[in-house]
C-alpha atoms as a PDB file:
ATOM      1  CA  MET A   1     255.666 216.370 149.339  1.00  0.00           C
ATOM      2  CA  SER A   2     256.963 219.857 148.541  1.00  0.00           C
ATOM      3  CA  LYS A   3     259.340 221.816 150.372  1.00  0.00           C
ATOM      4  CA  LYS A   4     256.999 224.298 150.819  1.00  0.00           C
ATOM      5  CA  GLY A   5     254.834 221.535 152.809  1.00  0.00           C
ATOM      6  CA  LYS A   6     257.628 219.650 154.458  1.00  0.00           C
ATOM      7  CA  LEU A   7     258.623 223.221 155.816  1.00  0.00           C
ATOM      8  CA  VAL A   8     255.086 223.767 157.189  1.00  0.00           C
ATOM      9  CA  GLU A   9     254.830 220.545 158.573  1.00  0.00           C
ATOM     10  CA  ARG A  10     258.023 220.381 160.028  1.00  0.00           C
ATOM     11  CA  PHE A  11     256.955 224.349 161.730  1.00  0.00           C
ATOM     12  CA  LEU A  12     253.200 222.749 163.213  1.00  0.00           C
ATOM     13  CA  LYS A  13     255.359 220.435 164.749  1.00  0.00           C
ATOM     14  CA  MET A  14     256.834 223.317 167.059  1.00  0.00           C
ATOM     15  CA  PRO A  15     260.060 221.795 167.391  1.00  0.00           C
ATOM     16  CA  LYS A  16     262.954 223.720 169.618  1.00  0.00           C
ATOM     17  CA  ASP A  17     265.514 223.628 166.336  1.00  0.00           C
ATOM     18  CA  PHE A  18     263.546 226.017 164.200  1.00  0.00           C
ATOM     19  CA  HIS A  19     266.081 228.383 163.049  1.00  0.00           C
ATOM     20  CA  TYR A  20     265.382 231.842 162.007  1.00  0.00           C
ATOM     21  CA  ASP A  21     265.804 231.149 158.317  1.00  0.00           C
ATOM     22  CA  GLU A  22     263.377 228.839 157.886  1.00  0.00           C
ATOM     23  CA  ALA A  23     260.738 231.115 159.663  1.00  0.00           C
ATOM     24  CA  VAL A  24     261.927 233.597 156.700  1.00  0.00           C
ATOM     25  CA  LYS A  25     261.185 231.038 154.110  1.00  0.00           C
ATOM     26  CA  LEU A  26     257.713 230.192 156.136  1.00  0.00           C
ATOM     27  CA  LEU A  27     256.838 233.730 156.468  1.00  0.00           C
ATOM     28  CA  GLY A  28     257.602 234.343 152.535  1.00  0.00           C
ATOM     29  CA  ASN A  29     255.795 231.245 151.379  1.00  0.00           C
ATOM     30  CA  PHE A  30     252.566 232.985 152.868  1.00  0.00           C
ATOM     31  CA  GLY A  31     252.985 236.222 151.066  1.00  0.00           C
ATOM     32  CA  PHE A  32     254.719 238.128 154.099  1.00  0.00           C
ATOM     33  CA  GLU A  33     257.807 240.297 153.545  1.00  0.00           C
ATOM     34  CA  GLU A  34     260.573 241.819 156.068  1.00  0.00           C
ATOM     35  CA  VAL A  35     259.552 245.336 156.162  1.00  0.00           C
ATOM     36  CA  LYS A  36     263.176 247.633 156.202  1.00  0.00           C
ATOM     37  CA  LYS A  37     263.683 250.636 158.889  1.00  0.00           C
ATOM     38  CA  GLY A  38     267.027 251.454 158.108  1.00  0.00           C
ATOM     39  CA  LYS A  39     270.392 250.657 159.980  1.00  0.00           C
ATOM     40  CA  THR A  40     269.197 251.000 163.018  1.00  0.00           C
ATOM     41  CA  SER A  41     266.210 248.819 163.782  1.00  0.00           C
ATOM     42  CA  GLY A  42     269.126 245.737 165.204  1.00  0.00           C
ATOM     43  CA  SER A  43     267.356 243.130 165.874  1.00  0.00           C
ATOM     44  CA  ARG A  44     263.671 244.080 165.805  1.00  0.00           C
ATOM     45  CA  VAL A  45     262.302 242.569 162.611  1.00  0.00           C
ATOM     46  CA  LYS A  46     259.074 243.245 160.656  1.00  0.00           C
ATOM     47  CA  PHE A  47     256.819 241.572 158.393  1.00  0.00           C
ATOM     48  CA  GLU A  48     254.219 242.322 156.479  1.00  0.00           C
ATOM     49  CA  ASN A  49     251.811 240.452 154.165  1.00  0.00           C
ATOM     50  CA  ALA A  50     249.737 242.063 151.603  1.00  0.00           C
ATOM     51  CA  GLY A  51     247.049 243.019 153.493  1.00  0.00           C
ATOM     52  CA  GLY A  52     248.936 245.312 156.222  1.00  0.00           C
ATOM     53  CA  VAL A  53     248.948 242.286 158.884  1.00  0.00           C
ATOM     54  CA  PRO A  54     252.390 242.869 160.598  1.00  0.00           C
ATOM     55  CA  ILE A  55     253.826 240.530 162.641  1.00  0.00           C
ATOM     56  CA  MET A  56     256.825 241.177 164.560  1.00  0.00           C
ATOM     57  CA  LEU A  57     259.747 239.235 165.760  1.00  0.00           C
ATOM     58  CA  HIS A  58     263.041 239.921 167.500  1.00  0.00           C
ATOM     59  CA  LYS A  59     265.854 238.367 165.661  1.00  0.00           C
ATOM     60  CA  PRO A  60     267.399 235.795 167.884  1.00  0.00           C
ATOM     61  CA  HIS A  61     270.806 235.602 168.139  1.00  0.00           C
ATOM     62  CA  PRO A  62     273.625 234.134 168.328  1.00  0.00           C
ATOM     63  CA  SER A  63     272.192 230.846 167.230  1.00  0.00           C
ATOM     64  CA  GLY A  64     268.911 232.010 165.280  1.00  0.00           C
ATOM     65  CA  ILE A  65     267.307 229.297 167.063  1.00  0.00           C
ATOM     66  CA  MET A  66     263.036 230.571 167.544  1.00  0.00           C
ATOM     67  CA  LYS A  67     261.552 230.697 170.587  1.00  0.00           C
ATOM     68  CA  GLN A  68     258.796 228.780 171.124  1.00  0.00           C
ATOM     69  CA  TYR A  69     256.946 231.834 172.290  1.00  0.00           C
ATOM     70  CA  GLN A  70     257.341 233.249 168.640  1.00  0.00           C
ATOM     71  CA  LEU A  71     256.656 229.822 166.956  1.00  0.00           C
ATOM     72  CA  LYS A  72     253.117 229.838 168.412  1.00  0.00           C
ATOM     73  CA  GLN A  73     253.061 234.125 167.802  1.00  0.00           C
ATOM     74  CA  ILE A  74     253.394 233.140 164.081  1.00  0.00           C
ATOM     75  CA  LYS A  75     251.125 229.776 164.463  1.00  0.00           C
ATOM     76  CA  GLU A  76     248.509 232.173 165.754  1.00  0.00           C
ATOM     77  CA  ILE A  77     248.759 234.818 163.327  1.00  0.00           C
ATOM     78  CA  LEU A  78     249.033 232.181 159.998  1.00  0.00           C
ATOM     79  CA  GLU A  79     246.569 230.785 161.514  1.00  0.00           C
ATOM     80  CA  LEU A  80     247.477 227.144 160.838  1.00  0.00           C
END
């Protein structure tokens, strides 16, 4: 299985230790890119795909571990 497939499989299990960096890779695999709003954007991060579908997230800190509600939000938008 490819790295992409393994990442999607891991994501679908909704693990409690899913890291923000993994989420960025996952979203990138589905055509989403981070929208840079400048130096003052803080911990709010927006991802968009070519169709303009937005995903708004708060970058988790200090641990980088995603909250379950964030994973559910991503799953609903990606329709997995």
